[in-house]
PDB file of all heavy atoms in Angstrom:
ATOM      1  N   ARG A   1       8.295 -12.219  25.144  1.00  0.00           N
ATOM      2  CA  ARG A   1       7.633 -12.132  26.455  1.00  0.00           C
ATOM      3  C   ARG A   1       6.678 -10.941  26.475  1.00  0.00           C
ATOM      4  O   ARG A   1       5.515 -11.052  26.888  1.00  0.00           O
ATOM      5  CB  ARG A   1       8.677 -11.987  27.561  1.00  0.00           C
ATOM      6  CG  ARG A   1       8.098 -11.827  28.964  1.00  0.00           C
ATOM      7  CD  ARG A   1       7.455 -13.116  29.443  1.00  0.00           C
ATOM      8  NE  ARG A   1       6.895 -12.996  30.777  1.00  0.00           N
ATOM      9  CZ  ARG A   1       6.427 -14.014  31.473  1.00  0.00           C
ATOM     10  NH1 ARG A   1       6.457 -15.229  30.969  1.00  0.00           N
ATOM     11  NH2 ARG A   1       5.921 -13.843  32.680  1.00  0.00           N
ATOM     12  N   GLN A   2       7.188  -9.807  26.039  1.00  0.00           N
ATOM     13  CA  GLN A   2       6.382  -8.581  26.023  1.00  0.00           C
ATOM     14  C   GLN A   2       5.160  -8.732  25.129  1.00  0.00           C
ATOM     15  O   GLN A   2       4.041  -8.384  25.509  1.00  0.00           O
ATOM     16  CB  GLN A   2       7.263  -7.435  25.525  1.00  0.00           C
ATOM     17  CG  GLN A   2       6.574  -6.105  25.351  1.00  0.00           C
ATOM     18  CD  GLN A   2       7.559  -5.046  24.886  1.00  0.00           C
ATOM     19  OE1 GLN A   2       8.482  -4.695  25.601  1.00  0.00           O
ATOM     20  NE2 GLN A   2       7.364  -4.536  23.676  1.00  0.00           N
ATOM     21  N   LYS A   3       5.360  -9.275  23.931  1.00  0.00           N
ATOM     22  CA  LYS A   3       4.259  -9.425  22.988  1.00  0.00           C
ATOM     23  C   LYS A   3       3.244 -10.460  23.467  1.00  0.00           C
ATOM     24  O   LYS A   3       2.035 -10.318  23.213  1.00  0.00           O
ATOM     25  CB  LYS A   3       4.804  -9.798  21.608  1.00  0.00           C
ATOM     26  CG  LYS A   3       5.576  -8.669  20.951  1.00  0.00           C
ATOM     27  CD  LYS A   3       6.178  -9.092  19.621  1.00  0.00           C
ATOM     28  CE  LYS A   3       7.016  -7.985  19.010  1.00  0.00           C
ATOM     29  NZ  LYS A   3       7.654  -8.390  17.737  1.00  0.00           N
ATOM     30  N   ALA A   4       3.712 -11.489  24.160  1.00  0.00           N
ATOM     31  CA  ALA A   4       2.789 -12.491  24.703  1.00  0.00           C
ATOM     32  C   ALA A   4       1.832 -11.849  25.704  1.00  0.00           C
ATOM     33  O   ALA A   4       0.625 -12.121  25.708  1.00  0.00           O
ATOM     34  CB  ALA A   4       3.572 -13.627  25.364  1.00  0.00           C
ATOM     35  N   VAL A   5       2.374 -10.976  26.546  1.00  0.00           N
ATOM     36  CA  VAL A   5       1.537 -10.252  27.521  1.00  0.00           C
ATOM     37  C   VAL A   5       0.537  -9.364  26.788  1.00  0.00           C
ATOM     38  O   VAL A   5      -0.658  -9.329  27.122  1.00  0.00           O
ATOM     39  CB  VAL A   5       2.427  -9.405  28.461  1.00  0.00           C
ATOM     40  CG1 VAL A   5       1.560  -8.484  29.328  1.00  0.00           C
ATOM     41  CG2 VAL A   5       3.293 -10.299  29.333  1.00  0.00           C
ATOM     42  N   TYR A   6       1.009  -8.639  25.769  1.00  0.00           N
ATOM     43  CA  TYR A   6       0.141  -7.731  25.013  1.00  0.00           C
ATOM     44  C   TYR A   6      -0.996  -8.490  24.319  1.00  0.00           C
ATOM     45  O   TYR A   6      -2.146  -8.051  24.329  1.00  0.00           O
ATOM     46  CB  TYR A   6       0.944  -6.981  23.951  1.00  0.00           C
ATOM     47  CG  TYR A   6       1.945  -5.984  24.467  1.00  0.00           C
ATOM     48  CD1 TYR A   6       2.926  -5.452  23.620  1.00  0.00           C
ATOM     49  CD2 TYR A   6       1.936  -5.564  25.797  1.00  0.00           C
ATOM     50  CE1 TYR A   6       3.849  -4.529  24.082  1.00  0.00           C
ATOM     51  CE2 TYR A   6       2.862  -4.654  26.269  1.00  0.00           C
ATOM     52  CZ  TYR A   6       3.822  -4.128  25.400  1.00  0.00           C
ATOM     53  OH  TYR A   6       4.737  -3.213  25.852  1.00  0.00           O
ATOM     54  N   ILE A   7      -0.654  -9.613  23.698  1.00  0.00           N
ATOM     55  CA  ILE A   7      -1.657 -10.390  22.963  1.00  0.00           C
ATOM     56  C   ILE A   7      -2.722 -10.939  23.901  1.00  0.00           C
ATOM     57  O   ILE A   7      -3.931 -10.832  23.632  1.00  0.00           O
ATOM     58  CB  ILE A   7      -0.980 -11.529  22.166  1.00  0.00           C
ATOM     59  CG1 ILE A   7      -0.182 -10.933  20.997  1.00  0.00           C
ATOM     60  CG2 ILE A   7      -2.009 -12.540  21.661  1.00  0.00           C
ATOM     61  CD1 ILE A   7       0.754 -11.927  20.328  1.00  0.00           C
ATOM     62  N   LYS A   8      -2.292 -11.512  25.008  1.00  0.00           N
ATOM     63  CA  LYS A   8      -3.252 -12.062  25.970  1.00  0.00           C
ATOM     64  C   LYS A   8      -4.143 -10.953  26.528  1.00  0.00           C
ATOM     65  O   LYS A   8      -5.366 -11.114  26.646  1.00  0.00           O
ATOM     66  CB  LYS A   8      -2.520 -12.785  27.101  1.00  0.00           C
ATOM     67  CG  LYS A   8      -3.458 -13.510  28.071  1.00  0.00           C
ATOM     68  CD  LYS A   8      -2.689 -14.350  29.065  1.00  0.00           C
ATOM     69  CE  LYS A   8      -3.621 -14.988  30.088  1.00  0.00           C
ATOM     70  NZ  LYS A   8      -4.536 -15.986  29.488  1.00  0.00           N
ATOM     71  N   GLU A   9      -3.547  -9.810  26.845  1.00  0.00           N
ATOM     72  CA  GLU A   9      -4.313  -8.671  27.352  1.00  0.00           C
ATOM     73  C   GLU A   9      -5.344  -8.204  26.328  1.00  0.00           C
ATOM     74  O   GLU A   9      -6.504  -7.954  26.657  1.00  0.00           O
ATOM     75  CB  GLU A   9      -3.349  -7.522  27.686  1.00  0.00           C
ATOM     76  CG  GLU A   9      -4.013  -6.190  27.997  1.00  0.00           C
ATOM     77  CD  GLU A   9      -4.706  -6.142  29.347  1.00  0.00           C
ATOM     78  OE1 GLU A   9      -4.491  -7.071  30.159  1.00  0.00           O
ATOM     79  OE2 GLU A   9      -5.467  -5.186  29.584  1.00  0.00           O
ATOM     80  N   ALA A  10      -4.915  -8.084  25.073  1.00  0.00           N
ATOM     81  CA  ALA A  10      -5.819  -7.604  24.015  1.00  0.00           C
ATOM     82  C   ALA A  10      -6.991  -8.565  23.825  1.00  0.00           C
ATOM     83  O   ALA A  10      -8.153  -8.138  23.750  1.00  0.00           O
ATOM     84  CB  ALA A  10      -5.044  -7.439  22.705  1.00  0.00           C
ATOM     85  N   LEU A  11      -6.703  -9.845  23.727  1.00  0.00           N
ATOM     86  CA  LEU A  11      -7.758 -10.829  23.506  1.00  0.00           C
ATOM     87  C   LEU A  11      -8.760 -10.846  24.658  1.00  0.00           C
ATOM     88  O   LEU A  11      -9.982 -10.917  24.439  1.00  0.00           O
ATOM     89  CB  LEU A  11      -7.153 -12.221  23.307  1.00  0.00           C
ATOM     90  CG  LEU A  11      -6.264 -12.392  22.061  1.00  0.00           C
ATOM     91  CD1 LEU A  11      -5.677 -13.799  22.010  1.00  0.00           C
ATOM     92  CD2 LEU A  11      -7.044 -12.099  20.776  1.00  0.00           C
ATOM     93  N   ASN A  12      -8.252 -10.757  25.872  1.00  0.00           N
ATOM     94  CA  ASN A  12      -9.159 -10.783  27.023  1.00  0.00           C
ATOM     95  C   ASN A  12      -9.979  -9.504  27.143  1.00  0.00           C
ATOM     96  O   ASN A  12     -11.141  -9.549  27.562  1.00  0.00           O
ATOM     97  CB  ASN A  12      -8.378 -11.071  28.304  1.00  0.00           C
ATOM     98  CG  ASN A  12      -8.074 -12.555  28.467  1.00  0.00           C
ATOM     99  OD1 ASN A  12      -8.931 -13.337  28.860  1.00  0.00           O
ATOM    100  ND2 ASN A  12      -6.858 -12.950  28.131  1.00  0.00           N
ATOM    101  N   ARG A  13      -9.395  -8.363  26.749  1.00  0.00           N
ATOM    102  CA  ARG A  13     -10.163  -7.115  26.752  1.00  0.00           C
ATOM    103  C   ARG A  13     -11.319  -7.186  25.763  1.00  0.00           C
ATOM    104  O   ARG A  13     -12.427  -6.720  26.039  1.00  0.00           O
ATOM    105  CB  ARG A  13      -9.247  -5.941  26.389  1.00  0.00           C
ATOM    106  CG  ARG A  13      -8.449  -5.375  27.530  1.00  0.00           C
ATOM    107  CD  ARG A  13      -9.298  -4.595  28.530  1.00  0.00           C
ATOM    108  NE  ARG A  13     -10.010  -3.497  27.895  1.00  0.00           N
ATOM    109  CZ  ARG A  13      -9.473  -2.324  27.592  1.00  0.00           C
ATOM    110  NH1 ARG A  13      -8.198  -2.078  27.873  1.00  0.00           N
ATOM    111  NH2 ARG A  13     -10.188  -1.381  27.019  1.00  0.00           N
ATOM    112  N   ILE A  14     -11.064  -7.763  24.601  1.00  0.00           N
ATOM    113  CA  ILE A  14     -12.111  -7.880  23.581  1.00  0.00           C
ATOM    114  C   ILE A  14     -13.225  -8.804  24.074  1.00  0.00           C
ATOM    115  O   ILE A  14     -14.415  -8.502  23.940  1.00  0.00           O
ATOM    116  CB  ILE A  14     -11.520  -8.394  22.253  1.00  0.00           C
ATOM    117  CG1 ILE A  14     -10.533  -7.372  21.693  1.00  0.00           C
ATOM    118  CG2 ILE A  14     -12.634  -8.654  21.236  1.00  0.00           C
ATOM    119  CD1 ILE A  14      -9.641  -7.925  20.589  1.00  0.00           C
ATOM    120  N   ILE A  15     -12.843  -9.924  24.661  1.00  0.00           N
ATOM    121  CA  ILE A  15     -13.834 -10.876  25.179  1.00  0.00           C
ATOM    122  C   ILE A  15     -14.657 -10.239  26.295  1.00  0.00           C
ATOM    123  O   ILE A  15     -15.888 -10.393  26.362  1.00  0.00           O
ATOM    124  CB  ILE A  15     -13.144 -12.164  25.666  1.00  0.00           C
ATOM    125  CG1 ILE A  15     -12.579 -12.949  24.467  1.00  0.00           C
ATOM    126  CG2 ILE A  15     -14.119 -13.038  26.459  1.00  0.00           C
ATOM    127  CD1 ILE A  15     -11.701 -14.120  24.843  1.00  0.00           C
ATOM    128  N   GLU A  16     -13.989  -9.502  27.200  1.00  0.00           N
ATOM    129  CA  GLU A  16     -14.703  -8.828  28.290  1.00  0.00           C
ATOM    130  C   GLU A  16     -15.717  -7.824  27.744  1.00  0.00           C
ATOM    131  O   GLU A  16     -16.815  -7.673  28.284  1.00  0.00           O
ATOM    132  CB  GLU A  16     -13.699  -8.108  29.199  1.00  0.00           C
ATOM    133  CG  GLU A  16     -12.880  -9.034  30.070  1.00  0.00           C
ATOM    134  CD  GLU A  16     -11.717  -8.301  30.742  1.00  0.00           C
ATOM    135  OE1 GLU A  16     -11.703  -7.045  30.692  1.00  0.00           O
ATOM    136  OE2 GLU A  16     -10.839  -8.975  31.293  1.00  0.00           O
ATOM    137  N   HIS A  17     -15.345  -7.150  26.675  1.00  0.00           N
ATOM    138  CA  HIS A  17     -16.214  -6.117  26.103  1.00  0.00           C
ATOM    139  C   HIS A  17     -17.354  -6.707  25.286  1.00  0.00           C
ATOM    140  O   HIS A  17     -18.484  -6.233  25.344  1.00  0.00           O
ATOM    141  CB  HIS A  17     -15.383  -5.173  25.228  1.00  0.00           C
ATOM    142  CG  HIS A  17     -16.145  -4.003  24.679  1.00  0.00           C
ATOM    143  ND1 HIS A  17     -16.868  -4.062  23.510  1.00  0.00           N
ATOM    144  CD2 HIS A  17     -16.317  -2.740  25.156  1.00  0.00           C
ATOM    145  CE1 HIS A  17     -17.433  -2.892  23.284  1.00  0.00           C
ATOM    146  NE2 HIS A  17     -17.116  -2.071  24.257  1.00  0.00           N
ATOM    147  N   GLN A  18     -17.031  -7.765  24.517  1.00  0.00           N
ATOM    148  CA  GLN A  18     -17.978  -8.282  23.526  1.00  0.00           C
ATOM    149  C   GLN A  18     -18.612  -9.618  23.887  1.00  0.00           C
ATOM    150  O   GLN A  18     -19.639  -9.983  23.348  1.00  0.00           O
ATOM    151  CB  GLN A  18     -17.249  -8.473  22.181  1.00  0.00           C
ATOM    152  CG  GLN A  18     -17.060  -7.209  21.374  1.00  0.00           C
ATOM    153  CD  GLN A  18     -18.374  -6.617  20.943  1.00  0.00           C
ATOM    154  OE1 GLN A  18     -18.834  -5.656  21.551  1.00  0.00           O
ATOM    155  NE2 GLN A  18     -18.997  -7.154  19.918  1.00  0.00           N
ATOM    156  N   GLY A  19     -17.921 -10.365  24.731  1.00  0.00           N
ATOM    157  CA  GLY A  19     -18.395 -11.726  25.018  1.00  0.00           C
ATOM    158  C   GLY A  19     -17.811 -12.743  24.066  1.00  0.00           C
ATOM    159  O   GLY A  19     -17.979 -13.951  24.245  1.00  0.00           O
ATOM    160  N   ASP A  20     -17.144 -12.258  23.028  1.00  0.00           N
ATOM    161  CA  ASP A  20     -16.454 -13.139  22.090  1.00  0.00           C
ATOM    162  C   ASP A  20     -15.314 -12.347  21.449  1.00  0.00           C
ATOM    163  O   ASP A  20     -15.106 -11.170  21.754  1.00  0.00           O
ATOM    164  CB  ASP A  20     -17.412 -13.678  21.018  1.00  0.00           C
ATOM    165  CG  ASP A  20     -18.064 -12.558  20.197  1.00  0.00           C
ATOM    166  OD1 ASP A  20     -17.528 -11.428  20.170  1.00  0.00           O
ATOM    167  OD2 ASP A  20     -19.102 -12.811  19.568  1.00  0.00           O
ATOM    168  N   LEU A  21     -14.579 -13.013  20.558  1.00  0.00           N
ATOM    169  CA  LEU A  21     -13.437 -12.357  19.922  1.00  0.00           C
ATOM    170  C   LEU A  21     -13.865 -11.681  18.624  1.00  0.00           C
ATOM    171  O   LEU A  21     -13.551 -12.139  17.527  1.00  0.00           O
ATOM    172  CB  LEU A  21     -12.312 -13.369  19.664  1.00  0.00           C
ATOM    173  CG  LEU A  21     -11.382 -13.630  20.843  1.00  0.00           C
ATOM    174  CD1 LEU A  21     -10.320 -14.655  20.482  1.00  0.00           C
ATOM    175  CD2 LEU A  21     -10.725 -12.338  21.321  1.00  0.00           C
ATOM    176  N   SER A  22     -14.580 -10.597  18.766  1.00  0.00           N
ATOM    177  CA  SER A  22     -15.025  -9.837  17.597  1.00  0.00           C
ATOM    178  C   SER A  22     -14.732  -8.355  17.800  1.00  0.00           C
ATOM    179  O   SER A  22     -15.006  -7.800  18.861  1.00  0.00           O
ATOM    180  CB  SER A  22     -16.527 -10.040  17.386  1.00  0.00           C
ATOM    181  OG  SER A  22     -17.007  -9.144  16.401  1.00  0.00           O
ATOM    182  N   LEU A  23     -14.176  -7.739  16.771  1.00  0.00           N
ATOM    183  CA  LEU A  23     -13.921  -6.297  16.799  1.00  0.00           C
ATOM    184  C   LEU A  23     -14.845  -5.550  15.849  1.00  0.00           C
ATOM    185  O   LEU A  23     -14.646  -4.359  15.594  1.00  0.00           O
ATOM    186  CB  LEU A  23     -12.465  -6.003  16.425  1.00  0.00           C
ATOM    187  CG  LEU A  23     -11.405  -6.218  17.511  1.00  0.00           C
ATOM    188  CD1 LEU A  23     -10.008  -6.027  16.925  1.00  0.00           C
ATOM    189  CD2 LEU A  23     -11.618  -5.262  18.681  1.00  0.00           C
ATOM    190  N   GLY A  24     -15.849  -6.230  15.342  1.00  0.00           N
ATOM    191  CA  GLY A  24     -16.736  -5.618  14.361  1.00  0.00           C
ATOM    192  C   GLY A  24     -17.405  -4.347  14.848  1.00  0.00           C
ATOM    193  O   GLY A  24     -17.730  -3.459  14.046  1.00  0.00           O
ATOM    194  N   PHE A  25     -17.588  -4.222  16.168  1.00  0.00           N
ATOM    195  CA  PHE A  25     -18.255  -3.039  16.718  1.00  0.00           C
ATOM    196  C   PHE A  25     -17.477  -1.759  16.423  1.00  0.00           C
ATOM    197  O   PHE A  25     -18.054  -0.670  16.365  1.00  0.00           O
ATOM    198  CB  PHE A  25     -18.453  -3.191  18.232  1.00  0.00           C
ATOM    199  CG  PHE A  25     -17.176  -3.211  19.031  1.00  0.00           C
ATOM    200  CD1 PHE A  25     -16.676  -2.042  19.585  1.00  0.00           C
ATOM    201  CD2 PHE A  25     -16.482  -4.399  19.220  1.00  0.00           C
ATOM    202  CE1 PHE A  25     -15.501  -2.049  20.324  1.00  0.00           C
ATOM    203  CE2 PHE A  25     -15.304  -4.420  19.963  1.00  0.00           C
ATOM    204  CZ  PHE A  25     -14.812  -3.249  20.510  1.00  0.00           C
ATOM    205  N   LEU A  26     -16.162  -1.862  16.205  1.00  0.00           N
ATOM    206  CA  LEU A  26     -15.352  -0.669  15.951  1.00  0.00           C
ATOM    207  C   LEU A  26     -15.735   0.020  14.644  1.00  0.00           C
ATOM    208  O   LEU A  26     -15.535   1.226  14.490  1.00  0.00           O
ATOM    209  CB  LEU A  26     -13.866  -1.032  15.913  1.00  0.00           C
ATOM    210  CG  LEU A  26     -13.233  -1.448  17.242  1.00  0.00           C
ATOM    211  CD1 LEU A  26     -11.785  -1.856  17.017  1.00  0.00           C
ATOM    212  CD2 LEU A  26     -13.318  -0.326  18.276  1.00  0.00           C
ATOM    213  N   GLN A  27     -16.280  -0.739  13.723  1.00  0.00           N
ATOM    214  CA  GLN A  27     -16.660  -0.172  12.422  1.00  0.00           C
ATOM    215  C   GLN A  27     -17.779   0.862  12.568  1.00  0.00           C
ATOM    216  O   GLN A  27     -17.936   1.735  11.699  1.00  0.00           O
ATOM    217  CB  GLN A  27     -17.089  -1.286  11.472  1.00  0.00           C
ATOM    218  CG  GLN A  27     -17.055  -0.884  10.016  1.00  0.00           C
ATOM    219  CD  GLN A  27     -17.000  -2.097   9.110  1.00  0.00           C
ATOM    220  OE1 GLN A  27     -17.374  -3.206   9.497  1.00  0.00           O
ATOM    221  NE2 GLN A  27     -16.537  -1.898   7.890  1.00  0.00           N
ATOM    222  N   ASP A  28     -18.544   0.765  13.644  1.00  0.00           N
ATOM    223  CA  ASP A  28     -19.641   1.701  13.871  1.00  0.00           C
ATOM    224  C   ASP A  28     -19.214   2.932  14.670  1.00  0.00           C
ATOM    225  O   ASP A  28     -19.998   3.849  14.856  1.00  0.00           O
ATOM    226  CB  ASP A  28     -20.785   0.988  14.607  1.00  0.00           C
ATOM    227  CG  ASP A  28     -21.356  -0.165  13.794  1.00  0.00           C
ATOM    228  OD1 ASP A  28     -21.418  -0.024  12.560  1.00  0.00           O
ATOM    229  OD2 ASP A  28     -21.720  -1.182  14.396  1.00  0.00           O
ATOM    230  N   PHE A  29     -17.952   2.925  15.126  1.00  0.00           N
ATOM    231  CA  PHE A  29     -17.446   4.054  15.907  1.00  0.00           C
ATOM    232  C   PHE A  29     -16.913   5.146  14.986  1.00  0.00           C
ATOM    233  O   PHE A  29     -16.390   4.856  13.910  1.00  0.00           O
ATOM    234  CB  PHE A  29     -16.290   3.601  16.804  1.00  0.00           C
ATOM    235  CG  PHE A  29     -16.685   2.857  18.053  1.00  0.00           C
ATOM    236  CD1 PHE A  29     -17.979   2.425  18.258  1.00  0.00           C
ATOM    237  CD2 PHE A  29     -15.738   2.576  19.017  1.00  0.00           C
ATOM    238  CE1 PHE A  29     -18.324   1.726  19.396  1.00  0.00           C
ATOM    239  CE2 PHE A  29     -16.061   1.879  20.165  1.00  0.00           C
ATOM    240  CZ  PHE A  29     -17.361   1.460  20.359  1.00  0.00           C
TER     241      PHE A  29
END
């Protein structure tokens, strides 16, 4: 239950930030 909440939260945060499911921008940080 806990991990399901975490996964959904993480995926939606990435989409909100990027518009898609990509974390490639972190490589430039």
